[in-house]
């Protein structure tokens, strides 16, 4: 089969790529963004799509174009040690520390808490069920997850489509005023909606996941006849457009549902609340589905999201266990899966809002490094993939990302404070530093220096 003429290949792989990326964060973040952004929702969702749609697509394309397989192999030009550390941090982030417990917390927040309450007994029982099923699927080769996934994505899209149509026919309210959810730049939906949307897009973790899961897309492209790196990159990009359009549409309409749902909550002390509790994106979707479709609608949405989160958690446990088994072959896949499931189940009890909050410092460090690696890999042919360019770019990007991570952690915990001189430099002197995007300037400086050293070395 000639892949160039196979329209079926683009659609099939595109839908599969959409299913890979579509998880808990892809619903809760745009819903949260929408309710606080209000009338600023379109600027905020534009920024969100830039990081939550464009970057994952570029990540998959970079892996395909360079002929590498995963995060470790694509970052190896920096150094073997850096590639190992970066990959370990990435897998732990999209695995047991944040993404896996978030799947459990999201499905609990949307489907269980509104019906059965938030008592510790309910949380424990649900944890045993959710993580027990995820663990069982992850350690036993089975087609069950594939079968669920085959019918899950259309079902979830159908339920969301019904919500979207209902939100147009009988909206809960108009798009209200924009509010800053907190003093952090990532929550500045009233003052900096585009920037806040950009940073909120980090939360989906899809750019990180694209480096871990892209091997699945590459293998699928080969099944449809692609052989060379250029052919694989071509079919990946065209399939990625299908997935990107679906993701963007979901983000836009879910954000709009959030923006028109302000009347469903109390606004107290600067936050939207439900029964005295500060809400997250899960609460927004749950209340909106109850408003539009009643108790049955909320129950159906809860079941579908439960299945979506189960398959996502299973895939993440499997991917992390396989990677660490490759690093430490003496420890079996089953043992690694057991360890990661136990860690994820422990963090799940912190709640969805806490999981999201504590992931921010890590994302402020990992996302700049991931974007830098992706862009270096895509543009590597212009400097012959010279490790010197990689090292200078990553070193400078790391400095700025580390400051944003530590500064965010300091603001969250209050345990320490960044020195005034350093804070002034990164936030007042560095371009875009005030918006937690100073790493862009640092990455450019590092790249230019690396390019100069590469040019002088050639001469």
Protein backbone atom coordinates (compact mmCIF):
# COMPACT_ATOMS: atom_id res chain seq x y z
CA UNK A 1 0.00 0.00 0.00
CA UNK A 2 1.33 3.43 -0.88
CA UNK A 3 0.91 5.56 2.16
CA UNK A 4 0.81 8.78 0.13
CA UNK A 5 -2.54 7.83 -1.37
CA UNK A 6 -4.04 6.21 1.73
CA UNK A 7 -6.60 8.61 3.17
CA UNK A 8 -7.71 5.81 5.49
CA UNK A 9 -4.24 5.78 7.05
CA UNK A 10 -4.43 9.45 8.00
CA UNK A 11 -7.87 9.08 9.57
CA UNK A 12 -7.10 5.80 11.38
CA UNK A 13 -3.78 6.94 12.85
CA UNK A 14 -5.21 10.40 13.57
CA UNK A 15 -8.05 8.95 15.64
CA UNK A 16 -5.61 6.65 17.43
CA UNK A 17 -3.32 9.62 18.19
CA UNK A 18 -6.29 11.58 19.52
CA UNK A 19 -7.20 8.65 21.79
CA UNK A 20 -3.60 8.45 23.07
CA UNK A 21 -3.55 12.11 24.05
CA UNK A 22 -7.11 12.41 25.28
CA UNK A 23 -7.24 11.84 29.02
CA UNK A 24 -8.28 13.47 32.27
CA UNK A 25 -6.33 16.71 31.84
CA UNK A 26 -7.83 17.33 28.42
CA UNK A 27 -11.22 17.91 30.04
CA UNK A 28 -10.54 19.43 33.44
CA UNK A 29 -8.11 22.13 32.34
CA UNK A 30 -10.20 23.75 29.57
CA UNK A 31 -13.29 23.59 31.83
CA UNK A 32 -11.38 25.30 34.66
CA UNK A 33 -9.89 27.81 32.23
CA UNK A 34 -13.33 28.61 30.83
CA UNK A 35 -15.14 29.34 34.07
CA UNK A 36 -12.46 31.76 35.29
CA UNK A 37 -11.66 33.32 31.89
CA UNK A 38 -15.32 34.20 31.25
CA UNK A 39 -15.43 36.80 28.49
CA UNK A 40 -11.67 36.33 27.97
CA UNK A 41 -12.16 32.67 27.10
CA UNK A 42 -11.15 32.96 23.44
CA UNK A 43 -7.74 34.46 24.19
CA UNK A 44 -7.18 31.96 26.98
CA UNK A 45 -8.15 28.94 24.88
CA UNK A 46 -5.92 30.17 22.03
CA UNK A 47 -2.93 30.08 24.37
CA UNK A 48 -4.08 26.71 25.69
CA UNK A 49 -4.21 25.23 22.19
CA UNK A 50 -0.71 26.47 21.38
CA UNK A 51 0.81 24.36 24.15
CA UNK A 52 -1.76 21.56 24.43
CA UNK A 53 -2.22 20.91 20.68
CA UNK A 54 0.76 22.25 18.72
CA UNK A 55 3.54 21.00 21.00
CA UNK A 56 2.36 17.36 21.23
CA UNK A 57 2.05 17.25 17.45
CA UNK A 58 5.58 18.61 17.09
CA UNK A 59 6.85 16.08 19.63
CA UNK A 60 5.52 13.11 17.70
CA UNK A 61 6.79 14.59 14.43
CA UNK A 62 10.26 15.15 15.92
CA UNK A 63 10.54 11.52 17.04
CA UNK A 64 9.34 10.30 13.64
CA UNK A 65 11.58 12.66 11.65
CA UNK A 66 14.78 11.84 13.56
CA UNK A 67 14.17 8.10 13.57
CA UNK A 68 14.50 7.89 17.36
CA UNK A 69 12.16 5.96 19.64
CA UNK A 70 11.59 7.81 22.90
CA UNK A 71 12.54 10.70 25.18
CA UNK A 72 15.88 9.17 26.07
CA UNK A 73 17.04 8.57 22.51
CA UNK A 74 15.95 11.98 21.20
CA UNK A 75 17.80 13.82 24.00
CA UNK A 76 20.96 11.70 23.84
CA UNK A 77 22.90 14.32 21.77
CA UNK A 78 23.12 16.41 24.95
CA UNK A 79 24.77 13.54 26.85
CA UNK A 80 23.89 10.02 27.95
CA UNK A 81 23.59 11.12 31.59
CA UNK A 82 21.28 14.01 30.74
CA UNK A 83 19.15 11.78 28.50
CA UNK A 84 18.75 9.28 31.34
CA UNK A 85 17.88 11.90 33.98
CA UNK A 86 15.49 13.73 31.66
CA UNK A 87 13.69 10.52 30.70
CA UNK A 88 13.38 9.30 34.29
CA UNK A 89 11.93 12.67 35.35
CA UNK A 90 9.55 12.69 32.40
CA UNK A 91 8.24 9.16 32.99
CA UNK A 92 7.79 9.76 36.72
CA UNK A 93 5.83 12.94 35.94
CA UNK A 94 3.49 11.41 33.37
CA UNK A 95 3.36 8.32 35.55
CA UNK A 96 3.04 7.73 39.30
CA UNK A 97 3.68 11.24 40.62
CA UNK A 98 1.08 13.26 38.73
CA UNK A 99 -0.69 11.90 35.64
CA UNK A 100 -1.74 8.48 36.98
CA UNK A 101 -3.11 9.74 40.34
CA UNK A 102 -4.81 12.55 38.41
CA UNK A 103 -6.79 10.04 36.36
CA UNK A 104 -8.18 8.54 39.56
CA UNK A 105 -8.85 11.93 41.15
CA UNK A 106 -10.58 13.28 38.03
CA UNK A 107 -12.92 10.31 37.58
CA UNK A 108 -13.71 10.46 41.32
CA UNK A 109 -14.38 14.21 41.20
CA UNK A 110 -16.73 13.96 38.20
CA UNK A 111 -18.48 10.63 38.63
CA UNK A 112 -18.33 9.58 42.31
CA UNK A 113 -18.14 12.60 44.60
CA UNK A 114 -21.36 14.30 43.33
CA UNK A 115 -23.33 11.09 43.98
CA UNK A 116 -21.69 9.38 46.99
CA UNK A 117 -19.98 12.30 48.71
CA UNK A 118 -16.37 12.88 49.73
CA UNK A 119 -15.97 10.74 52.85
CA UNK A 120 -12.72 8.85 53.37
CA UNK A 121 -14.54 5.51 53.13
CA UNK A 122 -15.83 6.38 49.65
CA UNK A 123 -12.37 7.53 48.55
CA UNK A 124 -10.75 4.31 49.79
CA UNK A 125 -13.31 2.04 48.14
CA UNK A 126 -13.03 3.92 44.86
CA UNK A 127 -9.22 3.82 45.01
CA UNK A 128 -9.30 0.05 45.46
CA UNK A 129 -11.63 -0.34 42.48
CA UNK A 130 -9.99 2.15 40.13
CA UNK A 131 -6.33 1.36 40.76
CA UNK A 132 -7.08 -2.33 41.19
CA UNK A 133 -8.57 -2.56 37.69
CA UNK A 134 -5.78 -0.39 36.21
CA UNK A 135 -3.13 -2.58 37.82
CA UNK A 136 -4.79 -5.81 36.70
CA UNK A 137 -4.98 -4.61 33.10
CA UNK A 138 -1.39 -3.36 33.20
CA UNK A 139 0.16 -6.66 34.37
CA UNK A 140 -1.98 -9.02 32.31
CA UNK A 141 -1.67 -8.98 28.51
CA UNK A 142 -5.23 -8.43 27.44
CA UNK A 143 -7.22 -6.87 24.63
CA UNK A 144 -9.75 -5.53 27.11
CA UNK A 145 -8.21 -2.06 27.19
CA UNK A 146 -8.08 -2.01 23.38
CA UNK A 147 -11.73 -3.02 23.15
CA UNK A 148 -12.74 -0.34 25.64
CA UNK A 149 -10.68 2.23 23.77
CA UNK A 150 -12.19 1.26 20.43
CA UNK A 151 -15.68 2.27 21.55
CA UNK A 152 -14.74 4.73 24.26
CA UNK A 153 -13.55 7.67 22.17
CA UNK A 154 -16.70 7.87 19.98
CA UNK A 155 -18.90 7.49 23.07
CA UNK A 156 -17.09 10.22 24.99
CA UNK A 157 -17.17 12.55 21.97
CA UNK A 158 -20.90 11.86 21.57
CA UNK A 159 -21.63 12.75 25.23
CA UNK A 160 -19.54 15.91 24.93
CA UNK A 161 -21.30 16.80 21.67
CA UNK A 162 -24.67 16.51 23.42
CA UNK A 163 -23.43 18.80 26.19
CA UNK A 164 -22.12 21.30 23.63
CA UNK A 165 -25.39 21.38 21.68
CA UNK A 166 -27.37 21.76 24.91
CA UNK A 167 -25.09 24.61 26.02
CA UNK A 168 -25.99 26.49 22.83
CA UNK A 169 -29.72 25.74 22.94
CA UNK A 170 -30.21 26.47 26.63
CA UNK A 171 -27.05 28.02 28.12
CA UNK A 172 -26.69 28.14 31.89
CA UNK A 173 -25.82 31.80 31.50
CA UNK A 174 -23.86 34.32 29.51
CA UNK A 175 -20.09 34.49 29.50
CA UNK A 176 -19.41 36.26 32.76
CA UNK A 177 -16.59 38.49 33.90
CA UNK A 178 -13.02 37.21 33.86
CA UNK A 179 -11.38 36.48 37.22
CA UNK A 180 -7.85 35.66 38.33
CA UNK A 181 -8.05 32.30 40.10
CA UNK A 182 -4.96 33.24 42.13
CA UNK A 183 -2.02 35.63 42.08
CA UNK A 184 0.04 33.22 39.96
CA UNK A 185 0.63 33.98 36.28
CA UNK A 186 -0.85 30.60 35.40
CA UNK A 187 -4.17 31.71 36.93
CA UNK A 188 -4.23 35.31 35.61
CA UNK A 189 -7.28 34.82 33.37
CA UNK A 190 -8.42 38.41 33.83
CA UNK A 191 -5.05 40.17 33.45
CA UNK A 192 -3.10 37.84 31.13
CA UNK A 193 -5.55 35.39 29.52
CA UNK A 194 -3.27 34.37 26.62
CA UNK A 195 -0.28 33.72 28.90
CA UNK A 196 -2.42 31.96 31.51
CA UNK A 197 -3.81 29.74 28.75
CA UNK A 198 -0.30 28.90 27.55
CA UNK A 199 0.75 27.77 31.02
CA UNK A 200 -2.51 25.93 31.68
CA UNK A 201 -1.77 23.94 28.53
CA UNK A 202 1.31 22.57 30.28
CA UNK A 203 -1.04 20.75 32.63
CA UNK A 204 -2.28 18.30 30.01
CA UNK A 205 1.29 16.90 29.93
CA UNK A 206 0.69 15.89 26.32
CA UNK A 207 3.97 17.35 25.05
CA UNK A 208 5.80 15.17 27.59
CA UNK A 209 3.67 12.15 26.71
CA UNK A 210 4.31 12.66 22.99
CA UNK A 211 7.95 11.68 23.48
CA UNK A 212 6.95 8.57 25.40
CA UNK A 213 4.12 7.29 23.22
CA UNK A 214 5.23 8.32 19.72
CA UNK A 215 6.72 4.89 19.01
CA UNK A 216 3.11 3.59 18.75
CA UNK A 217 2.35 6.13 16.02
CA UNK A 218 5.57 5.34 14.17
CA UNK A 219 4.81 1.61 14.15
CA UNK A 220 1.31 2.33 12.86
CA UNK A 221 2.73 4.46 10.05
CA UNK A 222 4.98 1.55 9.06
CA UNK A 223 1.98 -0.78 8.95
CA UNK A 224 0.42 1.54 6.35
CA UNK A 225 3.52 1.40 4.15
CA UNK A 226 5.79 4.21 5.35
CA UNK A 227 9.45 3.17 5.35
CA UNK A 228 11.90 6.09 5.37
CA UNK A 229 12.06 8.67 8.14
CA UNK A 230 10.71 11.26 5.73
CA UNK A 231 7.71 9.08 4.82
CA UNK A 232 7.03 8.31 8.50
CA UNK A 233 7.24 11.99 9.40
CA UNK A 234 4.89 12.85 6.52
CA UNK A 235 2.14 10.44 7.49
CA UNK A 236 2.59 11.36 11.16
CA UNK A 237 2.12 15.06 10.44
CA UNK A 238 -0.96 14.51 8.27
CA UNK A 239 -2.47 12.16 10.83
CA UNK A 240 -1.52 14.63 13.53
CA UNK A 241 -3.62 17.30 11.84
CA UNK A 242 -6.68 15.06 12.30
CA UNK A 243 -5.89 14.54 16.00
CA UNK A 244 -5.06 18.23 16.49
CA UNK A 245 -8.35 19.40 14.99
CA UNK A 246 -10.31 17.06 17.27
CA UNK A 247 -8.36 18.16 20.34
CA UNK A 248 -8.75 21.85 19.49
CA UNK A 249 -12.51 21.47 18.98
CA UNK A 250 -12.89 19.68 22.32
CA UNK A 251 -10.87 22.39 24.10
CA UNK A 252 -12.80 25.25 22.51
CA UNK A 253 -16.26 23.86 23.27
CA UNK A 254 -15.44 22.58 26.77
CA UNK A 255 -13.90 25.99 27.61
CA UNK A 256 -17.08 27.66 26.35
CA UNK A 257 -19.20 25.38 28.57
CA UNK A 258 -17.07 26.52 31.49
CA UNK A 259 -17.38 30.20 30.54
CA UNK A 260 -21.20 29.98 30.50
CA UNK A 261 -21.42 27.99 33.75
CA UNK A 262 -20.48 30.67 36.27
CA UNK A 263 -24.08 30.92 37.47
CA UNK A 264 -23.95 27.29 38.65
CA UNK A 265 -21.45 28.15 41.42
CA UNK A 266 -20.98 30.64 44.23
CA UNK A 267 -18.22 33.21 43.81
CA UNK A 268 -16.73 33.78 47.25
CA UNK A 269 -13.37 35.18 48.36
CA UNK A 270 -12.12 35.38 44.79
CA UNK A 271 -12.92 31.75 43.86
CA UNK A 272 -15.81 29.81 42.42
CA UNK A 273 -17.09 27.41 45.07
CA UNK A 274 -19.58 24.59 45.46
CA UNK A 275 -20.93 23.95 48.94
CA UNK A 276 -18.07 25.93 50.44
CA UNK A 277 -15.39 24.02 48.51
CA UNK A 278 -13.19 25.66 45.87
CA UNK A 279 -13.96 23.94 42.57
CA UNK A 280 -11.76 22.39 39.90
CA UNK A 281 -12.46 21.48 36.28
CA UNK A 282 -14.08 18.23 37.32
CA UNK A 283 -16.75 20.06 39.32
CA UNK A 284 -17.44 22.34 36.34
CA UNK A 285 -18.13 19.42 34.01
CA UNK A 286 -20.17 17.55 36.60
CA UNK A 287 -22.45 20.50 37.39
CA UNK A 288 -22.80 21.45 33.73
CA UNK A 289 -23.80 17.91 32.74
CA UNK A 290 -26.34 17.84 35.59
CA UNK A 291 -27.78 21.18 34.49
CA UNK A 292 -28.13 20.18 30.83
CA UNK A 293 -28.87 16.45 31.06
CA UNK A 294 -30.02 15.85 34.62
CA UNK A 295 -28.85 13.07 36.93
CA UNK A 296 -28.73 10.53 34.10
CA UNK A 297 -26.51 12.79 32.02
CA UNK A 298 -24.09 13.29 34.88
CA UNK A 299 -24.02 9.54 35.55
CA UNK A 300 -23.33 8.74 31.88
CA UNK A 301 -20.54 11.33 31.75
CA UNK A 302 -19.09 9.87 34.94
CA UNK A 303 -19.06 6.33 33.52
CA UNK A 304 -17.48 7.39 30.24
CA UNK A 305 -14.79 9.43 31.97
CA UNK A 306 -14.18 6.52 34.36
CA UNK A 307 -13.46 4.28 31.37
CA UNK A 308 -11.31 6.97 29.73
CA UNK A 309 -9.27 7.39 32.89
CA UNK A 310 -8.96 3.61 33.36
CA UNK A 311 -7.46 3.15 29.91
CA UNK A 312 -5.16 6.15 30.37
CA UNK A 313 -3.98 4.92 33.76
CA UNK A 314 -3.42 1.42 32.37
CA UNK A 315 -1.37 2.78 29.47
CA UNK A 316 0.73 4.98 31.74
CA UNK A 317 1.42 2.22 34.26
CA UNK A 318 2.42 -0.11 31.43
CA UNK A 319 4.65 2.47 29.71
CA UNK A 320 6.43 3.45 32.93
CA UNK A 321 6.88 -0.17 34.02
CA UNK A 322 8.32 -1.12 30.62
CA UNK A 323 10.76 1.79 30.61
CA UNK A 324 12.06 1.16 34.11
CA UNK A 325 12.25 -2.59 33.45
CA UNK A 326 14.48 -1.72 30.50
CA UNK A 327 16.65 0.40 32.82
CA UNK A 328 16.76 -2.22 35.57
CA UNK A 329 16.08 -5.63 33.95
CA UNK A 330 16.50 -7.48 37.26
CA UNK A 331 13.26 -5.88 38.49
CA UNK A 332 10.34 -7.36 36.56
CA UNK A 333 7.62 -5.46 34.75
CA UNK A 334 5.08 -6.68 37.33
CA UNK A 335 7.14 -5.39 40.27
CA UNK A 336 7.58 -1.97 38.65
CA UNK A 337 3.85 -1.84 37.88
CA UNK A 338 3.10 -2.68 41.51
CA UNK A 339 5.40 0.06 42.79
CA UNK A 340 4.01 2.71 40.47
CA UNK A 341 0.39 1.79 41.16
CA UNK A 342 1.00 2.00 44.92
CA UNK A 343 2.65 5.43 44.59
CA UNK A 344 -0.13 6.74 42.34
CA UNK A 345 -2.84 5.46 44.69
CA UNK A 346 -1.14 7.24 47.60
CA UNK A 347 -0.98 10.59 45.79
CA UNK A 348 -4.59 10.19 44.64
CA UNK A 349 -5.74 10.85 48.22
CA UNK A 350 -4.31 14.36 48.02
CA UNK A 351 -7.21 15.34 45.76
CA UNK A 352 -7.35 16.71 42.24
CA UNK A 353 -6.58 20.33 43.13
CA UNK A 354 -3.49 19.37 45.16
CA UNK A 355 -2.18 17.05 42.45
CA UNK A 356 -2.50 19.84 39.88
CA UNK A 357 -0.90 22.39 42.21
CA UNK A 358 2.14 20.29 43.05
CA UNK A 359 2.72 19.38 39.41
CA UNK A 360 3.27 23.02 38.46
CA UNK A 361 6.89 23.41 39.64
CA UNK A 362 7.87 20.23 37.82
CA UNK A 363 6.11 21.31 34.63
CA UNK A 364 7.79 24.73 34.75
CA UNK A 365 11.11 22.87 34.51
CA UNK A 366 10.27 19.94 32.24
CA UNK A 367 8.18 21.74 29.63
CA UNK A 368 10.88 24.24 28.53
CA UNK A 369 13.42 21.39 28.29
CA UNK A 370 10.94 19.30 26.28
CA UNK A 371 10.13 22.14 23.87
CA UNK A 372 13.83 22.86 23.40
CA UNK A 373 14.61 19.21 22.61
CA UNK A 374 11.72 18.99 20.15
CA UNK A 375 12.77 22.13 18.27
CA UNK A 376 16.44 21.09 18.23
CA UNK A 377 15.52 17.69 16.82
CA UNK A 378 13.32 19.16 14.10
CA UNK A 379 15.91 21.79 13.09
CA UNK A 380 18.95 19.59 13.64
CA UNK A 381 19.77 19.21 9.95
CA UNK A 382 20.85 22.87 9.82
CA UNK A 383 23.65 22.26 12.33
CA UNK A 384 24.31 18.56 11.61
CA UNK A 385 22.81 17.54 14.97
CA UNK A 386 25.97 18.88 16.62
CA UNK A 387 25.89 18.03 20.36
CA UNK A 388 27.50 21.41 21.09
CA UNK A 389 24.35 23.23 19.96
CA UNK A 390 22.19 20.87 22.02
CA UNK A 391 24.29 21.36 25.16
CA UNK A 392 24.40 25.15 25.06
CA UNK A 393 20.67 25.42 24.35
CA UNK A 394 19.63 22.95 27.04
CA UNK A 395 22.00 24.43 29.63
CA UNK A 396 20.56 27.92 29.25
CA UNK A 397 16.99 26.66 29.06
CA UNK A 398 17.55 24.67 32.25
CA UNK A 399 18.70 27.76 34.16
CA UNK A 400 15.55 29.74 33.39
CA UNK A 401 13.26 26.74 33.87
CA UNK A 402 14.86 25.97 37.22
CA UNK A 403 14.23 29.52 38.42
CA UNK A 404 10.53 29.37 37.45
CA UNK A 405 10.21 25.97 39.13
CA UNK A 406 11.86 27.10 42.38
CA UNK A 407 10.01 30.42 42.41
CA UNK A 408 6.68 28.61 41.99
CA UNK A 409 7.61 26.16 44.74
CA UNK A 410 8.60 29.03 47.04
CA UNK A 411 5.26 30.76 46.49
CA UNK A 412 3.35 27.53 47.14
CA UNK A 413 5.09 26.46 50.31
CA UNK A 414 6.46 29.66 51.86
CA UNK A 415 9.41 27.59 53.12
CA UNK A 416 11.98 29.75 51.35
CA UNK A 417 12.20 32.88 49.26
CA UNK A 418 14.16 33.58 46.11
CA UNK A 419 16.95 36.17 46.62
CA UNK A 420 15.81 39.65 45.59
CA UNK A 421 18.61 40.22 43.08
CA UNK A 422 17.95 36.94 41.28
CA UNK A 423 14.19 37.50 41.31
CA UNK A 424 14.60 41.02 39.91
CA UNK A 425 16.84 39.77 37.11
CA UNK A 426 14.58 36.93 35.99
CA UNK A 427 11.30 38.82 36.36
CA UNK A 428 12.23 42.41 35.41
CA UNK A 429 15.29 42.19 33.19
CA UNK A 430 14.82 38.96 31.23
CA UNK A 431 12.33 39.39 28.35
CA UNK A 432 9.04 37.58 29.10
CA UNK A 433 10.37 36.73 32.56
CA UNK A 434 7.43 38.45 34.26
CA UNK A 435 5.15 35.93 32.57
CA UNK A 436 7.12 32.81 33.59
CA UNK A 437 8.34 32.55 30.00
CA UNK A 438 11.88 33.79 30.51
CA UNK A 439 13.14 30.40 29.36
CA UNK A 440 12.30 31.40 25.77
CA UNK A 441 14.90 34.18 25.85
CA UNK A 442 17.43 31.94 27.57
CA UNK A 443 16.88 29.15 25.05
CA UNK A 444 17.46 31.56 22.15
CA UNK A 445 20.68 32.87 23.73
CA UNK A 446 21.92 29.33 24.36
CA UNK A 447 21.07 28.29 20.80
CA UNK A 448 22.89 31.29 19.29
CA UNK A 449 25.99 30.61 21.39
CA UNK A 450 25.90 26.94 20.46
CA UNK A 451 25.50 27.82 16.78
CA UNK A 452 28.49 30.19 16.93
CA UNK A 453 30.66 27.55 18.60
CA UNK A 454 29.51 25.03 15.97
CA UNK A 455 30.40 27.44 13.13
CA UNK A 456 33.83 28.29 14.59
CA UNK A 457 34.53 24.61 15.17
CA UNK A 458 33.81 23.83 11.52
CA UNK A 459 36.11 26.62 10.33
